[in-house]
Amino acid sequence: MGRMLVRAESDRTCRVRMFPERKHSNLLDMVHGAVTLALIDIALFAAMRTLLNGNAGGSVTLELSSQFIGAGALSKPLDAVVEVMRETKRLVFMRGTVVQGEGDEHLVASFSGIVRKPSAK
């Protein structure tokens, strides 16, 4: 995936940025859908680690639902903005968007996901 940046935007929202390169492209010279899905999955775990002060190691994605809305350009950073909706003892429920451009003007995808925390040992 290359270089990525992670930052908390609030106590419930996290932004994960990747910098698309040629290797991330599809035949139309846009960001490949599989790369967008990988960014989303990585962002779920980055949000857990950043916002919930926990180690996401050992956690697993139980469910990931995504909707592709627009194409991602290779020329701009691609951001996954994740919101933690609810945390229980075993699960974390999240949702978010993948956006590009100043002010997040271009919507690439939306998503929701459920991550199961690791079992206590």
PDB file of N, CA and C in Angstrom:
ATOM      1  N   MET A   1       0.829  -1.199   0.000  1.00  0.00           N
ATOM      2  CA  MET A   1       0.000   0.000   0.000  1.00  0.00           C
ATOM      3  C   MET A   1       0.870   1.259   0.000  1.00  0.00           C
ATOM      4  N   GLY A   2       2.108   1.143   0.411  1.00  0.00           N
ATOM      5  CA  GLY A   2       2.975   2.318   0.427  1.00  0.00           C
ATOM      6  C   GLY A   2       2.825   3.119   1.710  1.00  0.00           C
ATOM      7  N   ARG A   3       3.299   4.347   1.656  1.00  0.00           N
ATOM      8  CA  ARG A   3       3.264   5.235   2.818  1.00  0.00           C
ATOM      9  C   ARG A   3       1.827   5.586   3.173  1.00  0.00           C
ATOM     10  N   MET A   4       1.524   5.542   4.464  1.00  0.00           N
ATOM     11  CA  MET A   4       0.182   5.891   4.949  1.00  0.00           C
ATOM     12  C   MET A   4       0.325   6.764   6.183  1.00  0.00           C
ATOM     13  N   LEU A   5      -0.636   7.652   6.378  1.00  0.00           N
ATOM     14  CA  LEU A   5      -0.687   8.521   7.551  1.00  0.00           C
ATOM     15  C   LEU A   5      -1.988   8.271   8.292  1.00  0.00           C
ATOM     16  N   VAL A   6      -1.935   8.353   9.616  1.00  0.00           N
ATOM     17  CA  VAL A   6      -3.122   8.143  10.448  1.00  0.00           C
ATOM     18  C   VAL A   6      -3.215   9.292  11.439  1.00  0.00           C
ATOM     19  N   ARG A   7      -4.420   9.854  11.583  1.00  0.00           N
ATOM     20  CA  ARG A   7      -4.610  10.887  12.613  1.00  0.00           C
ATOM     21  C   ARG A   7      -6.037  10.829  13.140  1.00  0.00           C
ATOM     22  N   ALA A   8      -6.165  11.114  14.422  1.00  0.00           N
ATOM     23  CA  ALA A   8      -7.484  11.247  15.036  1.00  0.00           C
ATOM     24  C   ALA A   8      -8.011  12.632  14.696  1.00  0.00           C
ATOM     25  N   GLU A   9      -9.271  12.689  14.276  1.00  0.00           N
ATOM     26  CA  GLU A   9      -9.891  13.979  13.987  1.00  0.00           C
ATOM     27  C   GLU A   9     -10.816  14.415  15.114  1.00  0.00           C
ATOM     28  N   SER A  10     -11.269  13.468  15.882  1.00  0.00           N
ATOM     29  CA  SER A  10     -12.075  13.724  17.073  1.00  0.00           C
ATOM     30  C   SER A  10     -11.942  12.488  17.950  1.00  0.00           C
ATOM     31  N   ASP A  11     -12.688  12.434  19.041  1.00  0.00           N
ATOM     32  CA  ASP A  11     -12.594  11.250  19.897  1.00  0.00           C
ATOM     33  C   ASP A  11     -13.278  10.041  19.290  1.00  0.00           C
ATOM     34  N   ARG A  12     -14.030  10.209  18.190  1.00  0.00           N
ATOM     35  CA  ARG A  12     -14.730   9.093  17.544  1.00  0.00           C
ATOM     36  C   ARG A  12     -14.410   8.948  16.060  1.00  0.00           C
ATOM     37  N   THR A  13     -13.571   9.837  15.516  1.00  0.00           N
ATOM     38  CA  THR A  13     -13.295   9.819  14.077  1.00  0.00           C
ATOM     39  C   THR A  13     -11.796   9.823  13.808  1.00  0.00           C
ATOM     40  N   CYS A  14     -11.392   9.000  12.830  1.00  0.00           N
ATOM     41  CA  CYS A  14      -9.988   8.838  12.460  1.00  0.00           C
ATOM     42  C   CYS A  14      -9.874   8.940  10.940  1.00  0.00           C
ATOM     43  N   ARG A  15      -8.764   9.529  10.465  1.00  0.00           N
ATOM     44  CA  ARG A  15      -8.501   9.634   9.025  1.00  0.00           C
ATOM     45  C   ARG A  15      -7.232   8.858   8.695  1.00  0.00           C
ATOM     46  N   VAL A  16      -7.322   8.005   7.680  1.00  0.00           N
ATOM     47  CA  VAL A  16      -6.172   7.237   7.209  1.00  0.00           C
ATOM     48  C   VAL A  16      -5.936   7.633   5.752  1.00  0.00           C
ATOM     49  N   ARG A  17      -4.732   8.130   5.463  1.00  0.00           N
ATOM     50  CA  ARG A  17      -4.415   8.624   4.125  1.00  0.00           C
ATOM     51  C   ARG A  17      -3.377   7.731   3.451  1.00  0.00           C
ATOM     52  N   MET A  18      -3.662   7.406   2.194  1.00  0.00           N
ATOM     53  CA  MET A  18      -2.677   6.719   1.360  1.00  0.00           C
ATOM     54  C   MET A  18      -2.373   7.589   0.148  1.00  0.00           C
ATOM     55  N   PHE A  19      -1.253   7.315  -0.481  1.00  0.00           N
ATOM     56  CA  PHE A  19      -0.805   8.095  -1.627  1.00  0.00           C
ATOM     57  C   PHE A  19      -0.736   7.172  -2.835  1.00  0.00           C
ATOM     58  N   PRO A  20      -1.801   7.170  -3.658  1.00  0.00           N
ATOM     59  CA  PRO A  20      -1.852   6.234  -4.788  1.00  0.00           C
ATOM     60  C   PRO A  20      -0.677   6.419  -5.749  1.00  0.00           C
ATOM     61  N   GLU A  21      -0.226   5.301  -6.271  1.00  0.00           N
ATOM     62  CA  GLU A  21       0.849   5.273  -7.257  1.00  0.00           C
ATOM     63  C   GLU A  21       0.371   4.454  -8.451  1.00  0.00           C
ATOM     64  N   ARG A  22       1.166   4.438  -9.473  1.00  0.00           N
ATOM     65  CA  ARG A  22       0.832   3.681 -10.691  1.00  0.00           C
ATOM     66  C   ARG A  22       0.492   2.225 -10.377  1.00  0.00           C
ATOM     67  N   LYS A  23       1.226   1.631  -9.431  1.00  0.00           N
ATOM     68  CA  LYS A  23       0.991   0.225  -9.077  1.00  0.00           C
ATOM     69  C   LYS A  23      -0.389  -0.011  -8.475  1.00  0.00           C
ATOM     70  N   HIS A  24      -1.086   1.042  -8.072  1.00  0.00           N
ATOM     71  CA  HIS A  24      -2.428   0.924  -7.486  1.00  0.00           C
ATOM     72  C   HIS A  24      -3.534   1.108  -8.530  1.00  0.00           C
ATOM     73  N   SER A  25      -3.166   1.204  -9.798  1.00  0.00           N
ATOM     74  CA  SER A  25      -4.148   1.550 -10.825  1.00  0.00           C
ATOM     75  C   SER A  25      -4.817   0.329 -11.451  1.00  0.00           C
ATOM     76  N   ASN A  26      -5.975   0.603 -12.031  1.00  0.00           N
ATOM     77  CA  ASN A  26      -6.665  -0.395 -12.843  1.00  0.00           C
ATOM     78  C   ASN A  26      -6.419  -0.067 -14.323  1.00  0.00           C
ATOM     79  N   LEU A  27      -7.100  -0.739 -15.216  1.00  0.00           N
ATOM     80  CA  LEU A  27      -6.887  -0.522 -16.649  1.00  0.00           C
ATOM     81  C   LEU A  27      -7.365   0.845 -17.126  1.00  0.00           C
ATOM     82  N   LEU A  28      -8.146   1.541 -16.306  1.00  0.00           N
ATOM     83  CA  LEU A  28      -8.620   2.883 -16.664  1.00  0.00           C
ATOM     84  C   LEU A  28      -7.752   3.981 -16.048  1.00  0.00           C
ATOM     85  N   ASP A  29      -6.628   3.590 -15.460  1.00  0.00           N
ATOM     86  CA  ASP A  29      -5.717   4.522 -14.781  1.00  0.00           C
ATOM     87  C   ASP A  29      -6.385   5.248 -13.613  1.00  0.00           C
ATOM     88  N   MET A  30      -7.249   4.559 -12.921  1.00  0.00           N
ATOM     89  CA  MET A  30      -7.866   5.045 -11.690  1.00  0.00           C
ATOM     90  C   MET A  30      -7.434   4.093 -10.572  1.00  0.00           C
ATOM     91  N   VAL A  31      -7.703   4.460  -9.320  1.00  0.00           N
ATOM     92  CA  VAL A  31      -7.353   3.573  -8.203  1.00  0.00           C
ATOM     93  C   VAL A  31      -8.194   2.301  -8.308  1.00  0.00           C
ATOM     94  N   HIS A  32      -7.543   1.157  -8.268  1.00  0.00           N
ATOM     95  CA  HIS A  32      -8.220  -0.132  -8.369  1.00  0.00           C
ATOM     96  C   HIS A  32      -9.153  -0.326  -7.177  1.00  0.00           C
ATOM     97  N   GLY A  33     -10.307  -0.908  -7.401  1.00  0.00           N
ATOM     98  CA  GLY A  33     -11.276  -1.151  -6.338  1.00  0.00           C
ATOM     99  C   GLY A  33     -10.726  -1.991  -5.203  1.00  0.00           C
ATOM    100  N   ALA A  34      -9.872  -2.955  -5.524  1.00  0.00           N
ATOM    101  CA  ALA A  34      -9.285  -3.801  -4.484  1.00  0.00           C
ATOM    102  C   ALA A  34      -8.360  -2.990  -3.572  1.00  0.00           C
ATOM    103  N   VAL A  35      -7.709  -1.984  -4.112  1.00  0.00           N
ATOM    104  CA  VAL A  35      -6.863  -1.104  -3.306  1.00  0.00           C
ATOM    105  C   VAL A  35      -7.738  -0.275  -2.367  1.00  0.00           C
ATOM    106  N   THR A  36      -8.854   0.199  -2.877  1.00  0.00           N
ATOM    107  CA  THR A  36      -9.798   0.951  -2.036  1.00  0.00           C
ATOM    108  C   THR A  36     -10.310   0.072  -0.903  1.00  0.00           C
ATOM    109  N   LEU A  37     -10.629  -1.185  -1.200  1.00  0.00           N
ATOM    110  CA  LEU A  37     -11.086  -2.110  -0.155  1.00  0.00           C
ATOM    111  C   LEU A  37      -9.992  -2.389   0.863  1.00  0.00           C
ATOM    112  N   ALA A  38      -8.763  -2.526   0.406  1.00  0.00           N
ATOM    113  CA  ALA A  38      -7.648  -2.735   1.336  1.00  0.00           C
ATOM    114  C   ALA A  38      -7.481  -1.527   2.248  1.00  0.00           C
ATOM    115  N   LEU A  39      -7.586  -0.326   1.693  1.00  0.00           N
ATOM    116  CA  LEU A  39      -7.506   0.893   2.504  1.00  0.00           C
ATOM    117  C   LEU A  39      -8.602   0.894   3.564  1.00  0.00           C
ATOM    118  N   ILE A  40      -9.799   0.531   3.188  1.00  0.00           N
ATOM    119  CA  ILE A  40     -10.915   0.495   4.132  1.00  0.00           C
ATOM    120  C   ILE A  40     -10.619  -0.476   5.269  1.00  0.00           C
ATOM    121  N   ASP A  41     -10.187  -1.676   4.945  1.00  0.00           N
ATOM    122  CA  ASP A  41      -9.930  -2.675   5.982  1.00  0.00           C
ATOM    123  C   ASP A  41      -8.801  -2.222   6.910  1.00  0.00           C
ATOM    124  N   ILE A  42      -7.741  -1.686   6.346  1.00  0.00           N
ATOM    125  CA  ILE A  42      -6.639  -1.169   7.156  1.00  0.00           C
ATOM    126  C   ILE A  42      -7.135  -0.035   8.053  1.00  0.00           C
ATOM    127  N   ALA A  43      -7.993   0.818   7.514  1.00  0.00           N
ATOM    128  CA  ALA A  43      -8.496   1.970   8.267  1.00  0.00           C
ATOM    129  C   ALA A  43      -9.330   1.540   9.475  1.00  0.00           C
ATOM    130  N   LEU A  44     -10.061   0.432   9.364  1.00  0.00           N
ATOM    131  CA  LEU A  44     -10.835  -0.059  10.510  1.00  0.00           C
ATOM    132  C   LEU A  44      -9.904  -0.346  11.691  1.00  0.00           C
ATOM    133  N   PHE A  45      -8.795  -1.014  11.410  1.00  0.00           N
ATOM    134  CA  PHE A  45      -7.855  -1.377  12.475  1.00  0.00           C
ATOM    135  C   PHE A  45      -7.064  -0.169  12.971  1.00  0.00           C
ATOM    136  N   ALA A  46      -6.738   0.737  12.059  1.00  0.00           N
ATOM    137  CA  ALA A  46      -6.048   1.964  12.468  1.00  0.00           C
ATOM    138  C   ALA A  46      -6.944   2.794  13.387  1.00  0.00           C
ATOM    139  N   ALA A  47      -8.227   2.833  13.094  1.00  0.00           N
ATOM    140  CA  ALA A  47      -9.172   3.577  13.941  1.00  0.00           C
ATOM    141  C   ALA A  47      -9.269   2.938  15.321  1.00  0.00           C
ATOM    142  N   MET A  48      -9.319   1.620  15.369  1.00  0.00           N
ATOM    143  CA  MET A  48      -9.355   0.939  16.668  1.00  0.00           C
ATOM    144  C   MET A  48      -8.136   1.292  17.494  1.00  0.00           C
ATOM    145  N   ARG A  49      -6.976   1.209  16.877  1.00  0.00           N
ATOM    146  CA  ARG A  49      -5.714   1.462  17.591  1.00  0.00           C
ATOM    147  C   ARG A  49      -5.603   2.929  18.017  1.00  0.00           C
ATOM    148  N   THR A  50      -6.006   3.832  17.145  1.00  0.00           N
ATOM    149  CA  THR A  50      -5.861   5.260  17.406  1.00  0.00           C
ATOM    150  C   THR A  50      -6.910   5.801  18.372  1.00  0.00           C
ATOM    151  N   LEU A  51      -8.148   5.415  18.163  1.00  0.00           N
ATOM    152  CA  LEU A  51      -9.249   5.999  18.931  1.00  0.00           C
ATOM    153  C   LEU A  51      -9.569   5.253  20.211  1.00  0.00           C
ATOM    154  N   LEU A  52      -9.353   3.944  20.206  1.00  0.00           N
ATOM    155  CA  LEU A  52      -9.754   3.145  21.366  1.00  0.00           C
ATOM    156  C   LEU A  52      -8.564   2.760  22.236  1.00  0.00           C
ATOM    157  N   ASN A  53      -7.392   3.305  21.909  1.00  0.00           N
ATOM    158  CA  ASN A  53      -6.175   3.055  22.686  1.00  0.00           C
ATOM    159  C   ASN A  53      -5.915   1.577  22.921  1.00  0.00           C
ATOM    160  N   GLY A  54      -6.234   0.788  21.933  1.00  0.00           N
ATOM    161  CA  GLY A  54      -6.042  -0.642  22.089  1.00  0.00           C
ATOM    162  C   GLY A  54      -5.129  -1.225  21.034  1.00  0.00           C
ATOM    163  N   ASN A  55      -4.668  -2.393  21.297  1.00  0.00           N
ATOM    164  CA  ASN A  55      -3.885  -3.114  20.325  1.00  0.00           C
ATOM    165  C   ASN A  55      -4.851  -3.883  19.441  1.00  0.00           C
ATOM    166  N   ALA A  56      -4.863  -3.572  18.158  1.00  0.00           N
ATOM    167  CA  ALA A  56      -5.766  -4.243  17.230  1.00  0.00           C
ATOM    168  C   ALA A  56      -5.231  -5.602  16.797  1.00  0.00           C
ATOM    169  N   GLY A  57      -4.007  -5.942  17.201  1.00  0.00           N
ATOM    170  CA  GLY A  57      -3.430  -7.230  16.868  1.00  0.00           C
ATOM    171  C   GLY A  57      -4.288  -8.362  17.403  1.00  0.00           C
ATOM    172  N   GLY A  58      -4.556  -9.343  16.581  1.00  0.00           N
ATOM    173  CA  GLY A  58      -5.411 -10.461  16.980  1.00  0.00           C
ATOM    174  C   GLY A  58      -6.879 -10.222  16.691  1.00  0.00           C
ATOM    175  N   SER A  59      -7.221  -9.005  16.304  1.00  0.00           N
ATOM    176  CA  SER A  59      -8.610  -8.718  15.925  1.00  0.00           C
ATOM    177  C   SER A  59      -8.850  -9.206  14.502  1.00  0.00           C
ATOM    178  N   VAL A  60     -10.110  -9.450  14.177  1.00  0.00           N
ATOM    179  CA  VAL A  60     -10.466  -9.892  12.828  1.00  0.00           C
ATOM    180  C   VAL A  60     -11.682  -9.137  12.324  1.00  0.00           C
ATOM    181  N   THR A  61     -11.711  -8.909  11.019  1.00  0.00           N
ATOM    182  CA  THR A  61     -12.871  -8.284  10.391  1.00  0.00           C
ATOM    183  C   THR A  61     -13.969  -9.334  10.286  1.00  0.00           C
ATOM    184  N   LEU A  62     -15.112  -9.068  10.903  1.00  0.00           N
ATOM    185  CA  LEU A  62     -16.254  -9.979  10.804  1.00  0.00           C
ATOM    186  C   LEU A  62     -17.124  -9.644   9.607  1.00  0.00           C
ATOM    187  N   GLU A  63     -17.302  -8.349   9.379  1.00  0.00           N
ATOM    188  CA  GLU A  63     -18.178  -7.925   8.289  1.00  0.00           C
ATOM    189  C   GLU A  63     -17.648  -6.626   7.713  1.00  0.00           C
ATOM    190  N   LEU A  64     -17.694  -6.525   6.386  1.00  0.00           N
ATOM    191  CA  LEU A  64     -17.309  -5.297   5.705  1.00  0.00           C
ATOM    192  C   LEU A  64     -18.248  -5.103   4.531  1.00  0.00           C
ATOM    193  N   SER A  65     -18.984  -4.018   4.563  1.00  0.00           N
ATOM    194  CA  SER A  65     -19.903  -3.683   3.485  1.00  0.00           C
ATOM    195  C   SER A  65     -19.412  -2.393   2.841  1.00  0.00           C
ATOM    196  N   SER A  66     -19.326  -2.384   1.525  1.00  0.00           N
ATOM    197  CA  SER A  66     -18.833  -1.186   0.846  1.00  0.00           C
ATOM    198  C   SER A  66     -19.701  -0.863  -0.364  1.00  0.00           C
ATOM    199  N   GLN A  67     -19.757   0.418  -0.660  1.00  0.00           N
ATOM    200  CA  GLN A  67     -20.477   0.902  -1.831  1.00  0.00           C
ATOM    201  C   GLN A  67     -19.527   1.812  -2.596  1.00  0.00           C
ATOM    202  N   PHE A  68     -19.211   1.441  -3.837  1.00  0.00           N
ATOM    203  CA  PHE A  68     -18.368   2.281  -4.680  1.00  0.00           C
ATOM    204  C   PHE A  68     -19.240   3.356  -5.310  1.00  0.00           C
ATOM    205  N   ILE A  69     -18.823   4.602  -5.155  1.00  0.00           N
ATOM    206  CA  ILE A  69     -19.639   5.734  -5.586  1.00  0.00           C
ATOM    207  C   ILE A  69     -18.973   6.497  -6.731  1.00  0.00           C
ATOM    208  N   GLY A  70     -17.651   6.610  -6.696  1.00  0.00           N
ATOM    209  CA  GLY A  70     -16.916   7.331  -7.736  1.00  0.00           C
ATOM    210  C   GLY A  70     -15.530   6.736  -7.868  1.00  0.00           C
ATOM    211  N   ALA A  71     -14.839   7.116  -8.921  1.00  0.00           N
ATOM    212  CA  ALA A  71     -13.491   6.600  -9.164  1.00  0.00           C
ATOM    213  C   ALA A  71     -12.463   7.425  -8.397  1.00  0.00           C
ATOM    214  N   GLY A  72     -11.434   6.751  -7.901  1.00  0.00           N
ATOM    215  CA  GLY A  72     -10.341   7.429  -7.225  1.00  0.00           C
ATOM    216  C   GLY A  72      -9.234   7.768  -8.205  1.00  0.00           C
ATOM    217  N   ALA A  73      -8.780   9.008  -8.179  1.00  0.00           N
ATOM    218  CA  ALA A  73      -7.702   9.448  -9.070  1.00  0.00           C
ATOM    219  C   ALA A  73      -6.345   9.080  -8.476  1.00  0.00           C
ATOM    220  N   LEU A  74      -5.394   8.764  -9.349  1.00  0.00           N
ATOM    221  CA  LEU A  74      -4.045   8.438  -8.891  1.00  0.00           C
ATOM    222  C   LEU A  74      -3.266   9.680  -8.473  1.00  0.00           C
ATOM    223  N   SER A  75      -3.724  10.837  -8.872  1.00  0.00           N
ATOM    224  CA  SER A  75      -2.976  12.079  -8.671  1.00  0.00           C
ATOM    225  C   SER A  75      -3.199  12.755  -7.314  1.00  0.00           C
ATOM    226  N   LYS A  76      -4.114  12.227  -6.499  1.00  0.00           N
ATOM    227  CA  LYS A  76      -4.427  12.861  -5.212  1.00  0.00           C
ATOM    228  C   LYS A  76      -4.413  11.826  -4.095  1.00  0.00           C
ATOM    229  N   PRO A  77      -4.088  12.244  -2.865  1.00  0.00           N
ATOM    230  CA  PRO A  77      -4.185  11.317  -1.733  1.00  0.00           C
ATOM    231  C   PRO A  77      -5.613  10.789  -1.594  1.00  0.00           C
ATOM    232  N   LEU A  78      -5.709   9.574  -1.109  1.00  0.00           N
ATOM    233  CA  LEU A  78      -7.000   8.915  -0.898  1.00  0.00           C
ATOM    234  C   LEU A  78      -7.169   8.727   0.613  1.00  0.00           C
ATOM    235  N   ASP A  79      -8.262   9.248   1.164  1.00  0.00           N
ATOM    236  CA  ASP A  79      -8.486   9.218   2.611  1.00  0.00           C
ATOM    237  C   ASP A  79      -9.681   8.347   2.979  1.00  0.00           C
ATOM    238  N   ALA A  80      -9.476   7.487   3.970  1.00  0.00           N
ATOM    239  CA  ALA A  80     -10.594   6.761   4.582  1.00  0.00           C
ATOM    240  C   ALA A  80     -10.877   7.465   5.904  1.00  0.00           C
ATOM    241  N   VAL A  81     -12.089   7.954   6.056  1.00  0.00           N
ATOM    242  CA  VAL A  81     -12.509   8.642   7.277  1.00  0.00           C
ATOM    243  C   VAL A  81     -13.443   7.696   8.018  1.00  0.00           C
ATOM    244  N   VAL A  82     -13.005   7.240   9.192  1.00  0.00           N
ATOM    245  CA  VAL A  82     -13.699   6.189   9.937  1.00  0.00           C
ATOM    246  C   VAL A  82     -14.291   6.759  11.215  1.00  0.00           C
ATOM    247  N   GLU A  83     -15.533   6.409  11.481  1.00  0.00           N
ATOM    248  CA  GLU A  83     -16.205   6.796  12.720  1.00  0.00           C
ATOM    249  C   GLU A  83     -16.531   5.542  13.520  1.00  0.00           C
ATOM    250  N   VAL A  84     -16.132   5.521  14.780  1.00  0.00           N
ATOM    251  CA  VAL A  84     -16.500   4.419  15.664  1.00  0.00           C
ATOM    252  C   VAL A  84     -17.916   4.698  16.164  1.00  0.00           C
ATOM    253  N   MET A  85     -18.826   3.802  15.833  1.00  0.00           N
ATOM    254  CA  MET A  85     -20.232   3.970  16.211  1.00  0.00           C
ATOM    255  C   MET A  85     -20.516   3.421  17.604  1.00  0.00           C
ATOM    256  N   ARG A  86     -19.940   2.250  17.886  1.00  0.00           N
ATOM    257  CA  ARG A  86     -20.188   1.610  19.173  1.00  0.00           C
ATOM    258  C   ARG A  86     -19.093   0.587  19.439  1.00  0.00           C
ATOM    259  N   GLU A  87     -18.736   0.471  20.689  1.00  0.00           N
ATOM    260  CA  GLU A  87     -17.775  -0.539  21.111  1.00  0.00           C
ATOM    261  C   GLU A  87     -18.404  -1.351  22.227  1.00  0.00           C
ATOM    262  N   THR A  88     -18.366  -2.665  22.089  1.00  0.00           N
ATOM    263  CA  THR A  88     -18.825  -3.557  23.147  1.00  0.00           C
ATOM    264  C   THR A  88     -17.599  -4.309  23.677  1.00  0.00           C
ATOM    265  N   LYS A  89     -17.834  -5.239  24.561  1.00  0.00           N
ATOM    266  CA  LYS A  89     -16.729  -6.022  25.112  1.00  0.00           C
ATOM    267  C   LYS A  89     -15.967  -6.775  24.032  1.00  0.00           C
ATOM    268  N   ARG A  90     -16.658  -7.272  23.015  1.00  0.00           N
ATOM    269  CA  ARG A  90     -16.035  -8.118  21.988  1.00  0.00           C
ATOM    270  C   ARG A  90     -16.015  -7.512  20.586  1.00  0.00           C
ATOM    271  N   LEU A  91     -16.849  -6.492  20.318  1.00  0.00           N
ATOM    272  CA  LEU A  91     -17.005  -5.990  18.954  1.00  0.00           C
ATOM    273  C   LEU A  91     -16.828  -4.480  18.873  1.00  0.00           C
ATOM    274  N   VAL A  92     -16.413  -4.025  17.677  1.00  0.00           N
ATOM    275  CA  VAL A  92     -16.360  -2.594  17.389  1.00  0.00           C
ATOM    276  C   VAL A  92     -17.112  -2.380  16.081  1.00  0.00           C
ATOM    277  N   PHE A  93     -18.097  -1.481  16.111  1.00  0.00           N
ATOM    278  CA  PHE A  93     -18.923  -1.165  14.952  1.00  0.00           C
ATOM    279  C   PHE A  93     -18.464   0.178  14.393  1.00  0.00           C
ATOM    280  N   MET A  94     -18.151   0.211  13.098  1.00  0.00           N
ATOM    281  CA  MET A  94     -17.629   1.424  12.476  1.00  0.00           C
ATOM    282  C   MET A  94     -18.294   1.679  11.129  1.00  0.00           C
ATOM    283  N   ARG A  95     -18.199   2.933  10.704  1.00  0.00           N
ATOM    284  CA  ARG A  95     -18.676   3.308   9.371  1.00  0.00           C
ATOM    285  C   ARG A  95     -17.800   4.441   8.864  1.00  0.00           C
ATOM    286  N   GLY A  96     -17.877   4.700   7.559  1.00  0.00           N
ATOM    287  CA  GLY A  96     -17.063   5.786   7.046  1.00  0.00           C
ATOM    288  C   GLY A  96     -17.186   5.991   5.559  1.00  0.00           C
ATOM    289  N   THR A  97     -16.301   6.847   5.070  1.00  0.00           N
ATOM    290  CA  THR A  97     -16.251   7.176   3.651  1.00  0.00           C
ATOM    291  C   THR A  97     -14.805   7.187   3.183  1.00  0.00           C
ATOM    292  N   VAL A  98     -14.633   6.987   1.879  1.00  0.00           N
ATOM    293  CA  VAL A  98     -13.334   7.170   1.234  1.00  0.00           C
ATOM    294  C   VAL A  98     -13.500   8.384   0.339  1.00  0.00           C
ATOM    295  N   VAL A  99     -12.615   9.372   0.539  1.00  0.00           N
ATOM    296  CA  VAL A  99     -12.767  10.659  -0.138  1.00  0.00           C
ATOM    297  C   VAL A  99     -11.440  11.122  -0.725  1.00  0.00           C
ATOM    298  N   GLN A 100     -11.542  12.070  -1.661  1.00  0.00           N
ATOM    299  CA  GLN A 100     -10.375  12.713  -2.253  1.00  0.00           C
ATOM    300  C   GLN A 100     -10.668  14.193  -2.430  1.00  0.00           C
ATOM    301  N   GLY A 101      -9.607  14.989  -2.428  1.00  0.00           N
ATOM    302  CA  GLY A 101      -9.733  16.407  -2.746  1.00  0.00           C
ATOM    303  C   GLY A 101      -9.854  17.288  -1.525  1.00  0.00           C
ATOM    304  N   GLU A 102      -9.640  18.566  -1.755  1.00  0.00           N
ATOM    305  CA  GLU A 102      -9.769  19.568  -0.695  1.00  0.00           C
ATOM    306  C   GLU A 102     -11.199  19.559  -0.161  1.00  0.00           C
ATOM    307  N   GLY A 103     -11.315  19.517   1.144  1.00  0.00           N
ATOM    308  CA  GLY A 103     -12.639  19.500   1.749  1.00  0.00           C
ATOM    309  C   GLY A 103     -13.400  18.212   1.499  1.00  0.00           C
ATOM    310  N   ASP A 104     -12.679  17.158   1.113  1.00  0.00           N
ATOM    311  CA  ASP A 104     -13.318  15.853   0.864  1.00  0.00           C
ATOM    312  C   ASP A 104     -14.422  15.942  -0.183  1.00  0.00           C
ATOM    313  N   GLU A 105     -14.218  16.777  -1.211  1.00  0.00           N
ATOM    314  CA  GLU A 105     -15.287  17.027  -2.168  1.00  0.00           C
ATOM    315  C   GLU A 105     -15.657  15.844  -3.055  1.00  0.00           C
ATOM    316  N   HIS A 106     -14.723  14.914  -3.270  1.00  0.00           N
ATOM    317  CA  HIS A 106     -15.019  13.784  -4.154  1.00  0.00           C
ATOM    318  C   HIS A 106     -15.204  12.513  -3.330  1.00  0.00           C
ATOM    319  N   LEU A 107     -16.403  11.967  -3.365  1.00  0.00           N
ATOM    320  CA  LEU A 107     -16.730  10.745  -2.628  1.00  0.00           C
ATOM    321  C   LEU A 107     -16.435   9.532  -3.508  1.00  0.00           C
ATOM    322  N   VAL A 108     -15.542   8.669  -3.024  1.00  0.00           N
ATOM    323  CA  VAL A 108     -15.141   7.481  -3.773  1.00  0.00           C
ATOM    324  C   VAL A 108     -15.950   6.265  -3.319  1.00  0.00           C
ATOM    325  N   ALA A 109     -16.150   6.115  -2.003  1.00  0.00           N
ATOM    326  CA  ALA A 109     -16.878   4.952  -1.476  1.00  0.00           C
ATOM    327  C   ALA A 109     -17.415   5.269  -0.086  1.00  0.00           C
ATOM    328  N   SER A 110     -18.386   4.475   0.326  1.00  0.00           N
ATOM    329  CA  SER A 110     -18.848   4.494   1.712  1.00  0.00           C
ATOM    330  C   SER A 110     -18.768   3.052   2.207  1.00  0.00           C
ATOM    331  N   PHE A 111     -18.715   2.900   3.537  1.00  0.00           N
ATOM    332  CA  PHE A 111     -18.544   1.552   4.078  1.00  0.00           C
ATOM    333  C   PHE A 111     -19.029   1.467   5.514  1.00  0.00           C
ATOM    334  N   SER A 112     -19.244   0.239   5.946  1.00  0.00           N
ATOM    335  CA  SER A 112     -19.472  -0.058   7.360  1.00  0.00           C
ATOM    336  C   SER A 112     -18.782  -1.382   7.646  1.00  0.00           C
ATOM    337  N   GLY A 113     -18.346  -1.532   8.886  1.00  0.00           N
ATOM    338  CA  GLY A 113     -17.632  -2.747   9.239  1.00  0.00           C
ATOM    339  C   GLY A 113     -17.771  -3.090  10.701  1.00  0.00           C
ATOM    340  N   ILE A 114     -17.603  -4.371  10.985  1.00  0.00           N
ATOM    341  CA  ILE A 114     -17.612  -4.877  12.359  1.00  0.00           C
ATOM    342  C   ILE A 114     -16.324  -5.653  12.559  1.00  0.00           C
ATOM    343  N   VAL A 115     -15.593  -5.311  13.620  1.00  0.00           N
ATOM    344  CA  VAL A 115     -14.342  -5.991  13.941  1.00  0.00           C
ATOM    345  C   VAL A 115     -14.501  -6.661  15.298  1.00  0.00           C
ATOM    346  N   ARG A 116     -14.073  -7.914  15.361  1.00  0.00           N
ATOM    347  CA  ARG A 116     -14.088  -8.673  16.615  1.00  0.00           C
ATOM    348  C   ARG A 116     -12.745  -8.496  17.298  1.00  0.00           C
ATOM    349  N   LYS A 117     -12.776  -8.107  18.541  1.00  0.00           N
ATOM    350  CA  LYS A 117     -11.544  -7.926  19.322  1.00  0.00           C
ATOM    351  C   LYS A 117     -10.938  -9.300  19.645  1.00  0.00           C
ATOM    352  N   PRO A 118      -9.644  -9.308  19.954  1.00  0.00           N
ATOM    353  CA  PRO A 118      -9.017 -10.592  20.276  1.00  0.00           C
ATOM    354  C   PRO A 118      -9.548 -11.172  21.580  1.00  0.00           C
ATOM    355  N   SER A 119      -9.494 -12.481  21.659  1.00  0.00           N
ATOM    356  CA  SER A 119      -9.907 -13.168  22.885  1.00  0.00           C
ATOM    357  C   SER A 119      -8.887 -12.908  23.984  1.00  0.00           C
ATOM    358  N   ALA A 120      -9.383 -12.777  25.207  1.00  0.00           N
ATOM    359  CA  ALA A 120      -8.481 -12.608  26.359  1.00  0.00           C
ATOM    360  C   ALA A 120      -7.758 -13.912  26.605  1.00  0.00           C
ATOM    361  N   LYS A 121      -6.469 -13.815  26.921  1.00  0.00           N
ATOM    362  CA  LYS A 121      -5.682 -15.044  27.151  1.00  0.00           C
ATOM    363  C   LYS A 121      -5.329 -15.159  28.591  1.00  0.00           C
TER     364      LYS A 121
END
